[in-house]
Amino acid sequence: MNTTVVVSGLNCTGCVGNLSKQILAVEGVERVDVALVPGGASTVSVGHDSTISAPQVALTLSAMGYTVA
């Protein structure tokens, strides 16, 4: 399964690395790809199995401190 969300709050490749590390630690998440737009709306694509839903992905990113559009 794949869930794509738009987030703000990512400003640099360091932010992308932190987000990737944190989201990959979530059980069921298999991969993450980020299209960084520094200071703007970045696209985060999360590959996951059926144990995690799209709303759970968005809630997890929000709980990590990112604004999910």
PDB file of N, CA and C in Angstrom:
ATOM      1  N   MET A   1       0.839  -1.167   0.000  1.00  0.00           N
ATOM      2  CA  MET A   1       0.000   0.000   0.000  1.00  0.00           C
ATOM      3  C   MET A   1       0.889   1.236   0.000  1.00  0.00           C
ATOM      4  N   ASN A   2       0.341   2.321  -0.483  1.00  0.00           N
ATOM      5  CA  ASN A   2       1.090   3.563  -0.532  1.00  0.00           C
ATOM      6  C   ASN A   2       0.168   4.718  -0.142  1.00  0.00           C
ATOM      7  N   THR A   3       0.675   5.589   0.723  1.00  0.00           N
ATOM      8  CA  THR A   3      -0.064   6.771   1.125  1.00  0.00           C
ATOM      9  C   THR A   3       0.800   7.981   0.841  1.00  0.00           C
ATOM     10  N   THR A   4       0.237   8.971   0.150  1.00  0.00           N
ATOM     11  CA  THR A   4       0.946  10.203  -0.151  1.00  0.00           C
ATOM     12  C   THR A   4       0.234  11.353   0.529  1.00  0.00           C
ATOM     13  N   VAL A   5       1.007  12.148   1.270  1.00  0.00           N
ATOM     14  CA  VAL A   5       0.455  13.317   1.959  1.00  0.00           C
ATOM     15  C   VAL A   5       1.348  14.518   1.694  1.00  0.00           C
ATOM     16  N   VAL A   6       0.766  15.687   1.816  1.00  0.00           N
ATOM     17  CA  VAL A   6       1.508  16.934   1.666  1.00  0.00           C
ATOM     18  C   VAL A   6       1.719  17.493   3.067  1.00  0.00           C
ATOM     19  N   VAL A   7       2.969  17.821   3.387  1.00  0.00           N
ATOM     20  CA  VAL A   7       3.292  18.343   4.711  1.00  0.00           C
ATOM     21  C   VAL A   7       4.073  19.641   4.583  1.00  0.00           C
ATOM     22  N   SER A   8       3.946  20.484   5.594  1.00  0.00           N
ATOM     23  CA  SER A   8       4.803  21.662   5.689  1.00  0.00           C
ATOM     24  C   SER A   8       5.623  21.527   6.964  1.00  0.00           C
ATOM     25  N   GLY A   9       6.708  22.250   7.016  1.00  0.00           N
ATOM     26  CA  GLY A   9       7.591  22.172   8.168  1.00  0.00           C
ATOM     27  C   GLY A   9       8.927  21.537   7.848  1.00  0.00           C
ATOM     28  N   LEU A  10       9.102  21.072   6.624  1.00  0.00           N
ATOM     29  CA  LEU A  10      10.385  20.524   6.193  1.00  0.00           C
ATOM     30  C   LEU A  10      11.174  21.637   5.509  1.00  0.00           C
ATOM     31  N   ASN A  11      12.371  21.896   6.006  1.00  0.00           N
ATOM     32  CA  ASN A  11      13.145  23.008   5.464  1.00  0.00           C
ATOM     33  C   ASN A  11      14.471  22.609   4.832  1.00  0.00           C
ATOM     34  N   CYS A  12      14.946  21.389   5.115  1.00  0.00           N
ATOM     35  CA  CYS A  12      16.262  21.000   4.606  1.00  0.00           C
ATOM     36  C   CYS A  12      16.365  19.475   4.547  1.00  0.00           C
ATOM     37  N   THR A  13      17.463  19.000   3.993  1.00  0.00           N
ATOM     38  CA  THR A  13      17.665  17.558   3.887  1.00  0.00           C
ATOM     39  C   THR A  13      17.815  16.919   5.266  1.00  0.00           C
ATOM     40  N   GLY A  14      18.271  17.682   6.245  1.00  0.00           N
ATOM     41  CA  GLY A  14      18.347  17.162   7.613  1.00  0.00           C
ATOM     42  C   GLY A  14      16.963  16.853   8.153  1.00  0.00           C
ATOM     43  N   CYS A  15      16.007  17.729   7.859  1.00  0.00           N
ATOM     44  CA  CYS A  15      14.604  17.503   8.261  1.00  0.00           C
ATOM     45  C   CYS A  15      14.070  16.242   7.590  1.00  0.00           C
ATOM     46  N   VAL A  16      14.394  16.066   6.322  1.00  0.00           N
ATOM     47  CA  VAL A  16      13.944  14.887   5.584  1.00  0.00           C
ATOM     48  C   VAL A  16      14.522  13.628   6.223  1.00  0.00           C
ATOM     49  N   GLY A  17      15.796  13.680   6.593  1.00  0.00           N
ATOM     50  CA  GLY A  17      16.437  12.533   7.242  1.00  0.00           C
ATOM     51  C   GLY A  17      15.772  12.194   8.563  1.00  0.00           C
ATOM     52  N   ASN A  18      15.460  13.218   9.360  1.00  0.00           N
ATOM     53  CA  ASN A  18      14.793  12.984  10.643  1.00  0.00           C
ATOM     54  C   ASN A  18      13.400  12.399  10.448  1.00  0.00           C
ATOM     55  N   LEU A  19      12.630  12.972   9.527  1.00  0.00           N
ATOM     56  CA  LEU A  19      11.294  12.458   9.248  1.00  0.00           C
ATOM     57  C   LEU A  19      11.379  11.005   8.797  1.00  0.00           C
ATOM     58  N   SER A  20      12.284  10.724   7.872  1.00  0.00           N
ATOM     59  CA  SER A  20      12.412   9.364   7.337  1.00  0.00           C
ATOM     60  C   SER A  20      12.759   8.369   8.434  1.00  0.00           C
ATOM     61  N   LYS A  21      13.697   8.724   9.278  1.00  0.00           N
ATOM     62  CA  LYS A  21      14.115   7.837  10.369  1.00  0.00           C
ATOM     63  C   LYS A  21      12.952   7.559  11.314  1.00  0.00           C
ATOM     64  N   GLN A  22      12.204   8.604  11.654  1.00  0.00           N
ATOM     65  CA  GLN A  22      11.095   8.439  12.588  1.00  0.00           C
ATOM     66  C   GLN A  22       9.952   7.626  11.993  1.00  0.00           C
ATOM     67  N   ILE A  23       9.589   7.903  10.756  1.00  0.00           N
ATOM     68  CA  ILE A  23       8.449   7.199  10.164  1.00  0.00           C
ATOM     69  C   ILE A  23       8.803   5.747   9.846  1.00  0.00           C
ATOM     70  N   LEU A  24      10.068   5.487   9.489  1.00  0.00           N
ATOM     71  CA  LEU A  24      10.478   4.103   9.218  1.00  0.00           C
ATOM     72  C   LEU A  24      10.497   3.253  10.483  1.00  0.00           C
ATOM     73  N   ALA A  25      10.536   3.888  11.645  1.00  0.00           N
ATOM     74  CA  ALA A  25      10.513   3.162  12.911  1.00  0.00           C
ATOM     75  C   ALA A  25       9.105   2.688  13.281  1.00  0.00           C
ATOM     76  N   VAL A  26       8.097   3.169  12.568  1.00  0.00           N
ATOM     77  CA  VAL A  26       6.708   2.778  12.827  1.00  0.00           C
ATOM     78  C   VAL A  26       6.469   1.390  12.243  1.00  0.00           C
ATOM     79  N   GLU A  27       5.913   0.502  13.064  1.00  0.00           N
ATOM     80  CA  GLU A  27       5.628  -0.847  12.598  1.00  0.00           C
ATOM     81  C   GLU A  27       4.668  -0.816  11.418  1.00  0.00           C
ATOM     82  N   GLY A  28       5.024  -1.521  10.358  1.00  0.00           N
ATOM     83  CA  GLY A  28       4.193  -1.573   9.156  1.00  0.00           C
ATOM     84  C   GLY A  28       4.685  -0.674   8.039  1.00  0.00           C
ATOM     85  N   VAL A  29       5.538   0.305   8.362  1.00  0.00           N
ATOM     86  CA  VAL A  29       6.075   1.195   7.337  1.00  0.00           C
ATOM     87  C   VAL A  29       7.279   0.521   6.685  1.00  0.00           C
ATOM     88  N   GLU A  30       7.279   0.484   5.375  1.00  0.00           N
ATOM     89  CA  GLU A  30       8.321  -0.205   4.618  1.00  0.00           C
ATOM     90  C   GLU A  30       9.279   0.731   3.904  1.00  0.00           C
ATOM     91  N   ARG A  31       8.787   1.902   3.505  1.00  0.00           N
ATOM     92  CA  ARG A  31       9.654   2.861   2.810  1.00  0.00           C
ATOM     93  C   ARG A  31       9.039   4.249   2.898  1.00  0.00           C
ATOM     94  N   VAL A  32       9.878   5.252   2.658  1.00  0.00           N
ATOM     95  CA  VAL A  32       9.400   6.634   2.616  1.00  0.00           C
ATOM     96  C   VAL A  32      10.198   7.387   1.564  1.00  0.00           C
ATOM     97  N   ASP A  33       9.496   8.190   0.782  1.00  0.00           N
ATOM     98  CA  ASP A  33      10.116   9.059  -0.222  1.00  0.00           C
ATOM     99  C   ASP A  33       9.580  10.465   0.007  1.00  0.00           C
ATOM    100  N   VAL A  34      10.493  11.439  -0.014  1.00  0.00           N
ATOM    101  CA  VAL A  34      10.097  12.818   0.232  1.00  0.00           C
ATOM    102  C   VAL A  34      10.538  13.693  -0.933  1.00  0.00           C
ATOM    103  N   ALA A  35       9.604  14.460  -1.474  1.00  0.00           N
ATOM    104  CA  ALA A  35       9.912  15.481  -2.476  1.00  0.00           C
ATOM    105  C   ALA A  35       9.959  16.804  -1.715  1.00  0.00           C
ATOM    106  N   LEU A  36      11.154  17.221  -1.345  1.00  0.00           N
ATOM    107  CA  LEU A  36      11.358  18.396  -0.496  1.00  0.00           C
ATOM    108  C   LEU A  36      11.134  19.698  -1.249  1.00  0.00           C
ATOM    109  N   VAL A  37      10.326  20.561  -0.646  1.00  0.00           N
ATOM    110  CA  VAL A  37      10.155  21.939  -1.092  1.00  0.00           C
ATOM    111  C   VAL A  37      10.461  22.784   0.141  1.00  0.00           C
ATOM    112  N   PRO A  38      11.730  23.240   0.277  1.00  0.00           N
ATOM    113  CA  PRO A  38      12.130  23.951   1.491  1.00  0.00           C
ATOM    114  C   PRO A  38      11.189  25.116   1.837  1.00  0.00           C
ATOM    115  N   GLY A  39      10.636  25.058   3.041  1.00  0.00           N
ATOM    116  CA  GLY A  39       9.745  26.109   3.499  1.00  0.00           C
ATOM    117  C   GLY A  39       8.362  26.088   2.874  1.00  0.00           C
ATOM    118  N   GLY A  40       8.105  25.103   2.030  1.00  0.00           N
ATOM    119  CA  GLY A  40       6.811  25.031   1.350  1.00  0.00           C
ATOM    120  C   GLY A  40       6.103  23.725   1.627  1.00  0.00           C
ATOM    121  N   ALA A  41       5.307  23.299   0.686  1.00  0.00           N
ATOM    122  CA  ALA A  41       4.535  22.061   0.808  1.00  0.00           C
ATOM    123  C   ALA A  41       5.307  20.913   0.170  1.00  0.00           C
ATOM    124  N   SER A  42       5.838  20.023   1.000  1.00  0.00           N
ATOM    125  CA  SER A  42       6.597  18.869   0.523  1.00  0.00           C
ATOM    126  C   SER A  42       5.678  17.664   0.436  1.00  0.00           C
ATOM    127  N   THR A  43       5.965  16.784  -0.508  1.00  0.00           N
ATOM    128  CA  THR A  43       5.176  15.573  -0.680  1.00  0.00           C
ATOM    129  C   THR A  43       5.901  14.400  -0.044  1.00  0.00           C
ATOM    130  N   VAL A  44       5.183  13.693   0.838  1.00  0.00           N
ATOM    131  CA  VAL A  44       5.742  12.525   1.520  1.00  0.00           C
ATOM    132  C   VAL A  44       4.943  11.305   1.086  1.00  0.00           C
ATOM    133  N   SER A  45       5.638  10.337   0.522  1.00  0.00           N
ATOM    134  CA  SER A  45       5.016   9.099   0.076  1.00  0.00           C
ATOM    135  C   SER A  45       5.505   7.975   0.983  1.00  0.00           C
ATOM    136  N   VAL A  46       4.569   7.287   1.621  1.00  0.00           N
ATOM    137  CA  VAL A  46       4.907   6.246   2.592  1.00  0.00           C
ATOM    138  C   VAL A  46       4.376   4.912   2.095  1.00  0.00           C
ATOM    139  N   GLY A  47       5.276   3.955   1.917  1.00  0.00           N
ATOM    140  CA  GLY A  47       4.889   2.595   1.561  1.00  0.00           C
ATOM    141  C   GLY A  47       4.695   1.806   2.845  1.00  0.00           C
ATOM    142  N   HIS A  48       3.570   1.120   2.953  1.00  0.00           N
ATOM    143  CA  HIS A  48       3.266   0.407   4.192  1.00  0.00           C
ATOM    144  C   HIS A  48       2.422  -0.823   3.911  1.00  0.00           C
ATOM    145  N   ASP A  49       2.392  -1.709   4.903  1.00  0.00           N
ATOM    146  CA  ASP A  49       1.553  -2.886   4.761  1.00  0.00           C
ATOM    147  C   ASP A  49       0.152  -2.578   5.272  1.00  0.00           C
ATOM    148  N   SER A  50      -0.701  -3.580   5.295  1.00  0.00           N
ATOM    149  CA  SER A  50      -2.104  -3.365   5.647  1.00  0.00           C
ATOM    150  C   SER A  50      -2.342  -3.146   7.134  1.00  0.00           C
ATOM    151  N   THR A  51      -1.299  -3.241   7.969  1.00  0.00           N
ATOM    152  CA  THR A  51      -1.496  -3.021   9.403  1.00  0.00           C
ATOM    153  C   THR A  51      -1.577  -1.547   9.759  1.00  0.00           C
ATOM    154  N   ILE A  52      -1.268  -0.669   8.816  1.00  0.00           N
ATOM    155  CA  ILE A  52      -1.340   0.773   9.052  1.00  0.00           C
ATOM    156  C   ILE A  52      -2.181   1.387   7.933  1.00  0.00           C
ATOM    157  N   SER A  53      -3.050   2.303   8.301  1.00  0.00           N
ATOM    158  CA  SER A  53      -3.955   2.921   7.329  1.00  0.00           C
ATOM    159  C   SER A  53      -3.451   4.307   6.930  1.00  0.00           C
ATOM    160  N   ALA A  54      -4.024   4.845   5.879  1.00  0.00           N
ATOM    161  CA  ALA A  54      -3.663   6.185   5.420  1.00  0.00           C
ATOM    162  C   ALA A  54      -3.891   7.233   6.510  1.00  0.00           C
ATOM    163  N   PRO A  55      -5.037   7.211   7.211  1.00  0.00           N
ATOM    164  CA  PRO A  55      -5.215   8.189   8.290  1.00  0.00           C
ATOM    165  C   PRO A  55      -4.173   8.042   9.406  1.00  0.00           C
ATOM    166  N   GLN A  56      -3.741   6.813   9.680  1.00  0.00           N
ATOM    167  CA  GLN A  56      -2.709   6.604  10.693  1.00  0.00           C
ATOM    168  C   GLN A  56      -1.374   7.205  10.260  1.00  0.00           C
ATOM    169  N   VAL A  57      -1.070   7.111   8.971  1.00  0.00           N
ATOM    170  CA  VAL A  57       0.157   7.727   8.455  1.00  0.00           C
ATOM    171  C   VAL A  57       0.091   9.234   8.669  1.00  0.00           C
ATOM    172  N   ALA A  58      -1.028   9.853   8.309  1.00  0.00           N
ATOM    173  CA  ALA A  58      -1.187  11.304   8.466  1.00  0.00           C
ATOM    174  C   ALA A  58      -1.114  11.701   9.937  1.00  0.00           C
ATOM    175  N   LEU A  59      -1.754  10.947  10.816  1.00  0.00           N
ATOM    176  CA  LEU A  59      -1.712  11.249  12.246  1.00  0.00           C
ATOM    177  C   LEU A  59      -0.303  11.115  12.811  1.00  0.00           C
ATOM    178  N   THR A  60       0.433  10.125  12.340  1.00  0.00           N
ATOM    179  CA  THR A  60       1.805   9.928  12.796  1.00  0.00           C
ATOM    180  C   THR A  60       2.681  11.110  12.400  1.00  0.00           C
ATOM    181  N   LEU A  61       2.555  11.562  11.159  1.00  0.00           N
ATOM    182  CA  LEU A  61       3.329  12.713  10.702  1.00  0.00           C
ATOM    183  C   LEU A  61       2.954  13.962  11.490  1.00  0.00           C
ATOM    184  N   SER A  62       1.689  14.126  11.758  1.00  0.00           N
ATOM    185  CA  SER A  62       1.221  15.264  12.550  1.00  0.00           C
ATOM    186  C   SER A  62       1.779  15.206  13.971  1.00  0.00           C
ATOM    187  N   ALA A  63       1.767  14.029  14.568  1.00  0.00           N
ATOM    188  CA  ALA A  63       2.299  13.855  15.922  1.00  0.00           C
ATOM    189  C   ALA A  63       3.804  14.126  15.984  1.00  0.00           C
ATOM    190  N   MET A  64       4.472  13.971  14.845  1.00  0.00           N
ATOM    191  CA  MET A  64       5.905  14.225  14.761  1.00  0.00           C
ATOM    192  C   MET A  64       6.184  15.723  14.659  1.00  0.00           C
ATOM    193  N   GLY A  65       5.139  16.539  14.532  1.00  0.00           N
ATOM    194  CA  GLY A  65       5.306  17.983  14.507  1.00  0.00           C
ATOM    195  C   GLY A  65       5.173  18.635  13.146  1.00  0.00           C
ATOM    196  N   TYR A  66       4.788  17.846  12.145  1.00  0.00           N
ATOM    197  CA  TYR A  66       4.626  18.390  10.808  1.00  0.00           C
ATOM    198  C   TYR A  66       3.160  18.729  10.569  1.00  0.00           C
ATOM    199  N   THR A  67       2.917  19.741   9.776  1.00  0.00           N
ATOM    200  CA  THR A  67       1.544  20.122   9.427  1.00  0.00           C
ATOM    201  C   THR A  67       1.145  19.356   8.185  1.00  0.00           C
ATOM    202  N   VAL A  68       0.113  18.543   8.316  1.00  0.00           N
ATOM    203  CA  VAL A  68      -0.375  17.731   7.209  1.00  0.00           C
ATOM    204  C   VAL A  68      -1.536  18.465   6.543  1.00  0.00           C
ATOM    205  N   ALA A  69      -1.409  18.657   5.231  1.00  0.00           N
ATOM    206  CA  ALA A  69      -2.464  19.383   4.492  1.00  0.00           C
ATOM    207  C   ALA A  69      -3.592  18.455   4.121  1.00  0.00           C
TER     208      ALA A  69
END
